[in-house]
Structure formats: C-alpha cells, structure tokens
Amino acid sequence: MKQALRRLFALLLNYFESGTGDFEYKPSHRVILLVMSGMFLGLATLVLAMMPEDDYGYFFPVLIFGGTGCLGLIIGFLGHDRAVARIWGSR
C-alpha cells in the first residue's frame, strides 16, 4: 500500500527527496512534522465548520492550512529521511 501511495505522490516526493549532500535528521523531526500537520488540518476543519454560509473569503485560510497539513502528512508518512530533513531546512 505504501508503494502505491508513493507512486501516486511521486512528483511531490521526488522534489523533497532530491539531492546528494549531507543532511541532519532526527526521528523527532518526523513526529513533530506529523503533529503539526494534524494541527494544521484541525485548524482548517475548524475554520471550514465555523464559516458563515455567504462569506467565501474563509476558503483562502482553509486552502492554505489544509494544503500545508496535507503536504506535511504526505512527507511525514511516505517520505524518506531526506524529505523530512528538507522540510525542516536541514542540508
């Protein structure tokens, strides 16, 4: 199942996993990434649930927070150590 999902998100994962230099990775980086991604998705869900019916200006924060949360979950669950280190800016 993981390989099928990796193929589905290959374009995104290849971008974050590219490179040949050294990187600094700690297992806590992955845990923190997954927790923060869950918080971003929770925030997006909360904004979407509390959004007034006629005000579509709330979709922008939902897209930003939801997209950030989804990206973090994809990298956190499917990405290699290099991808997680690249999210944190470690090179």
N, C-alpha and C. Protein backbone atom coordinates (compact mmCIF):
# COMPACT_ATOMS: atom_id res chain seq x y z
N MET A 1 0.82 -1.19 0.00
CA MET A 1 0.00 0.00 0.00
C MET A 1 0.87 1.26 0.00
N LYS A 2 1.94 1.23 0.79
CA LYS A 2 2.80 2.39 0.87
C LYS A 2 3.46 2.68 -0.48
N GLN A 3 3.86 1.64 -1.20
CA GLN A 3 4.49 1.85 -2.51
C GLN A 3 3.50 2.42 -3.52
N ALA A 4 2.24 2.02 -3.44
CA ALA A 4 1.23 2.57 -4.34
C ALA A 4 1.01 4.06 -4.06
N LEU A 5 0.97 4.42 -2.78
CA LEU A 5 0.82 5.83 -2.43
C LEU A 5 2.07 6.63 -2.80
N ARG A 6 3.25 6.01 -2.66
CA ARG A 6 4.47 6.71 -3.06
C ARG A 6 4.47 6.98 -4.57
N ARG A 7 3.95 6.03 -5.36
CA ARG A 7 3.84 6.26 -6.80
C ARG A 7 2.84 7.37 -7.12
N LEU A 8 1.75 7.41 -6.35
CA LEU A 8 0.73 8.43 -6.57
C LEU A 8 1.29 9.83 -6.31
N PHE A 9 2.09 9.97 -5.26
CA PHE A 9 2.65 11.27 -4.89
C PHE A 9 4.12 11.40 -5.30
N ALA A 10 4.54 10.68 -6.33
CA ALA A 10 5.94 10.64 -6.74
C ALA A 10 6.48 12.01 -7.12
N LEU A 11 5.71 12.82 -7.79
CA LEU A 11 6.19 14.13 -8.22
C LEU A 11 6.54 15.00 -7.01
N LEU A 12 5.69 15.00 -6.03
CA LEU A 12 5.93 15.76 -4.81
C LEU A 12 7.08 15.19 -4.00
N LEU A 13 7.11 13.88 -3.83
CA LEU A 13 8.15 13.24 -3.05
C LEU A 13 9.52 13.36 -3.71
N ASN A 14 9.57 13.26 -5.02
CA ASN A 14 10.85 13.39 -5.73
C ASN A 14 11.46 14.77 -5.52
N TYR A 15 10.63 15.79 -5.47
CA TYR A 15 11.14 17.14 -5.24
C TYR A 15 11.81 17.25 -3.87
N PHE A 16 11.18 16.74 -2.85
CA PHE A 16 11.72 16.86 -1.49
C PHE A 16 12.83 15.85 -1.20
N GLU A 17 12.89 14.76 -1.93
CA GLU A 17 13.91 13.75 -1.69
C GLU A 17 15.12 13.91 -2.59
N SER A 18 15.14 14.89 -3.46
CA SER A 18 16.26 15.07 -4.37
C SER A 18 17.45 15.67 -3.62
N GLY A 19 18.61 15.44 -4.17
CA GLY A 19 19.83 15.99 -3.58
C GLY A 19 20.79 14.89 -3.18
N THR A 20 22.05 15.26 -3.05
CA THR A 20 23.07 14.28 -2.70
C THR A 20 23.90 14.71 -1.50
N GLY A 21 23.71 15.89 -1.01
CA GLY A 21 24.52 16.39 0.10
C GLY A 21 24.12 15.77 1.43
N ASP A 22 24.91 16.12 2.43
CA ASP A 22 24.61 15.65 3.78
C ASP A 22 23.37 16.35 4.32
N PHE A 23 22.69 15.69 5.22
CA PHE A 23 21.53 16.29 5.87
C PHE A 23 21.47 15.79 7.30
N GLU A 24 20.83 16.57 8.14
CA GLU A 24 20.69 16.21 9.54
C GLU A 24 19.25 15.79 9.80
N TYR A 25 19.07 14.56 10.25
CA TYR A 25 17.74 14.03 10.51
C TYR A 25 17.69 13.43 11.90
N LYS A 26 16.63 13.73 12.62
CA LYS A 26 16.36 13.10 13.91
C LYS A 26 14.95 12.54 13.84
N PRO A 27 14.70 11.39 14.46
CA PRO A 27 13.35 10.82 14.44
C PRO A 27 12.28 11.76 15.01
N SER A 28 12.68 12.63 15.92
CA SER A 28 11.71 13.58 16.48
C SER A 28 11.23 14.58 15.44
N HIS A 29 12.03 14.82 14.39
CA HIS A 29 11.59 15.74 13.33
C HIS A 29 10.35 15.21 12.63
N ARG A 30 10.31 13.90 12.40
CA ARG A 30 9.15 13.29 11.73
C ARG A 30 7.92 13.37 12.64
N VAL A 31 8.10 13.11 13.92
CA VAL A 31 6.98 13.14 14.87
C VAL A 31 6.42 14.55 14.95
N ILE A 32 7.29 15.53 15.07
CA ILE A 32 6.84 16.92 15.15
C ILE A 32 6.13 17.33 13.86
N LEU A 33 6.65 16.90 12.72
CA LEU A 33 6.01 17.21 11.43
C LEU A 33 4.60 16.63 11.37
N LEU A 34 4.42 15.40 11.82
CA LEU A 34 3.10 14.78 11.80
C LEU A 34 2.14 15.46 12.77
N VAL A 35 2.63 15.84 13.95
CA VAL A 35 1.77 16.52 14.92
C VAL A 35 1.36 17.89 14.40
N MET A 36 2.30 18.64 13.86
CA MET A 36 1.98 19.97 13.33
C MET A 36 1.04 19.88 12.13
N SER A 37 1.22 18.87 11.30
CA SER A 37 0.33 18.67 10.15
C SER A 37 -1.09 18.38 10.61
N GLY A 38 -1.22 17.57 11.65
CA GLY A 38 -2.54 17.31 12.21
C GLY A 38 -3.17 18.56 12.77
N MET A 39 -2.36 19.41 13.40
CA MET A 39 -2.88 20.68 13.93
C MET A 39 -3.35 21.60 12.81
N PHE A 40 -2.59 21.65 11.71
CA PHE A 40 -3.00 22.48 10.57
C PHE A 40 -4.30 21.95 9.96
N LEU A 41 -4.43 20.64 9.83
CA LEU A 41 -5.67 20.09 9.29
C LEU A 41 -6.84 20.33 10.24
N GLY A 42 -6.59 20.25 11.53
CA GLY A 42 -7.64 20.55 12.51
C GLY A 42 -8.08 22.00 12.43
N LEU A 43 -7.11 22.90 12.26
CA LEU A 43 -7.44 24.32 12.13
C LEU A 43 -8.24 24.58 10.86
N ALA A 44 -7.86 23.95 9.76
CA ALA A 44 -8.60 24.11 8.51
C ALA A 44 -10.03 23.59 8.65
N THR A 45 -10.18 22.47 9.32
CA THR A 45 -11.51 21.90 9.54
C THR A 45 -12.35 22.81 10.42
N LEU A 46 -11.73 23.36 11.45
CA LEU A 46 -12.44 24.27 12.35
C LEU A 46 -12.90 25.53 11.62
N VAL A 47 -12.04 26.11 10.81
CA VAL A 47 -12.43 27.31 10.05
C VAL A 47 -13.54 26.97 9.07
N LEU A 48 -13.45 25.82 8.42
CA LEU A 48 -14.48 25.42 7.47
C LEU A 48 -15.82 25.19 8.17
N ALA A 49 -15.79 24.60 9.35
CA ALA A 49 -17.02 24.33 10.08
C ALA A 49 -17.68 25.60 10.60
N MET A 50 -16.88 26.59 10.95
CA MET A 50 -17.42 27.82 11.54
C MET A 50 -17.64 28.91 10.49
N MET A 51 -17.39 28.61 9.23
CA MET A 51 -17.52 29.60 8.16
C MET A 51 -18.98 29.97 7.93
N PRO A 52 -19.28 31.27 7.87
CA PRO A 52 -20.65 31.67 7.52
C PRO A 52 -20.99 31.21 6.11
N GLU A 53 -22.26 30.98 5.86
CA GLU A 53 -22.68 30.41 4.58
C GLU A 53 -22.41 31.32 3.38
N ASP A 54 -22.54 32.60 3.55
CA ASP A 54 -22.43 33.51 2.41
C ASP A 54 -21.05 34.14 2.25
N ASP A 55 -20.13 33.89 3.13
CA ASP A 55 -18.82 34.53 3.08
C ASP A 55 -17.77 33.53 2.60
N TYR A 56 -17.38 33.64 1.33
CA TYR A 56 -16.44 32.70 0.74
C TYR A 56 -14.99 33.12 0.93
N GLY A 57 -14.74 34.20 1.64
CA GLY A 57 -13.38 34.64 1.93
C GLY A 57 -12.67 33.71 2.90
N TYR A 58 -13.42 32.86 3.57
CA TYR A 58 -12.83 31.91 4.51
C TYR A 58 -12.19 30.71 3.81
N PHE A 59 -12.43 30.56 2.53
CA PHE A 59 -11.83 29.43 1.81
C PHE A 59 -10.32 29.58 1.66
N PHE A 60 -9.82 30.81 1.63
CA PHE A 60 -8.38 31.01 1.50
C PHE A 60 -7.61 30.41 2.67
N PRO A 61 -7.97 30.71 3.93
CA PRO A 61 -7.25 30.06 5.03
C PRO A 61 -7.45 28.55 5.06
N VAL A 62 -8.62 28.08 4.65
CA VAL A 62 -8.86 26.64 4.60
C VAL A 62 -7.91 25.99 3.60
N LEU A 63 -7.73 26.61 2.44
CA LEU A 63 -6.82 26.07 1.43
C LEU A 63 -5.37 26.10 1.91
N ILE A 64 -4.96 27.20 2.54
CA ILE A 64 -3.58 27.32 3.00
C ILE A 64 -3.29 26.32 4.12
N PHE A 65 -4.12 26.33 5.16
CA PHE A 65 -3.88 25.43 6.29
C PHE A 65 -4.10 23.97 5.90
N GLY A 66 -5.12 23.70 5.11
CA GLY A 66 -5.38 22.33 4.66
C GLY A 66 -4.28 21.80 3.75
N GLY A 67 -3.81 22.64 2.84
CA GLY A 67 -2.72 22.23 1.95
C GLY A 67 -1.43 21.98 2.70
N THR A 68 -1.13 22.85 3.66
CA THR A 68 0.07 22.66 4.48
C THR A 68 -0.03 21.38 5.30
N GLY A 69 -1.19 21.13 5.86
CA GLY A 69 -1.39 19.91 6.64
C GLY A 69 -1.27 18.65 5.79
N CYS A 70 -1.86 18.67 4.61
CA CYS A 70 -1.78 17.51 3.72
C CYS A 70 -0.35 17.27 3.25
N LEU A 71 0.36 18.34 2.91
CA LEU A 71 1.76 18.21 2.50
C LEU A 71 2.59 17.58 3.62
N GLY A 72 2.41 18.05 4.83
CA GLY A 72 3.16 17.51 5.96
C GLY A 72 2.84 16.05 6.22
N LEU A 73 1.58 15.67 6.09
CA LEU A 73 1.22 14.27 6.30
C LEU A 73 1.80 13.37 5.21
N ILE A 74 1.79 13.84 3.98
CA ILE A 74 2.36 13.06 2.89
C ILE A 74 3.85 12.85 3.10
N ILE A 75 4.56 13.94 3.42
CA ILE A 75 6.00 13.83 3.64
C ILE A 75 6.29 13.02 4.90
N GLY A 76 5.51 13.24 5.95
CA GLY A 76 5.75 12.55 7.21
C GLY A 76 5.52 11.06 7.14
N PHE A 77 4.49 10.62 6.44
CA PHE A 77 4.17 9.19 6.38
C PHE A 77 4.88 8.47 5.23
N LEU A 78 5.06 9.14 4.08
CA LEU A 78 5.57 8.46 2.91
C LEU A 78 7.01 8.82 2.54
N GLY A 79 7.48 9.97 3.01
CA GLY A 79 8.79 10.46 2.61
C GLY A 79 9.94 9.78 3.33
N HIS A 80 11.10 9.80 2.68
CA HIS A 80 12.32 9.30 3.28
C HIS A 80 12.86 10.34 4.26
N ASP A 81 13.92 9.98 4.95
CA ASP A 81 14.51 10.88 5.94
C ASP A 81 14.98 12.19 5.31
N ARG A 82 15.48 12.13 4.09
CA ARG A 82 15.95 13.35 3.41
C ARG A 82 14.80 14.33 3.19
N ALA A 83 13.62 13.84 2.85
CA ALA A 83 12.47 14.71 2.62
C ALA A 83 12.05 15.41 3.91
N VAL A 84 12.06 14.67 5.01
CA VAL A 84 11.71 15.28 6.30
C VAL A 84 12.74 16.33 6.68
N ALA A 85 14.02 16.02 6.47
CA ALA A 85 15.08 16.98 6.79
C ALA A 85 14.97 18.22 5.90
N ARG A 86 14.55 18.04 4.66
CA ARG A 86 14.42 19.19 3.75
C ARG A 86 13.26 20.09 4.16
N ILE A 87 12.19 19.51 4.69
CA ILE A 87 11.07 20.32 5.20
C ILE A 87 11.57 21.23 6.31
N TRP A 88 12.44 20.70 7.19
CA TRP A 88 12.95 21.48 8.31
C TRP A 88 14.11 22.37 7.90
N GLY A 89 14.57 22.30 6.66
CA GLY A 89 15.62 23.18 6.20
C GLY A 89 17.02 22.68 6.52
N SER A 90 17.16 21.43 6.89
CA SER A 90 18.47 20.86 7.21
C SER A 90 19.13 20.39 5.92
N ARG A 91 20.33 20.89 5.68
CA ARG A 91 21.03 20.49 4.44
C ARG A 91 22.40 20.04 4.74
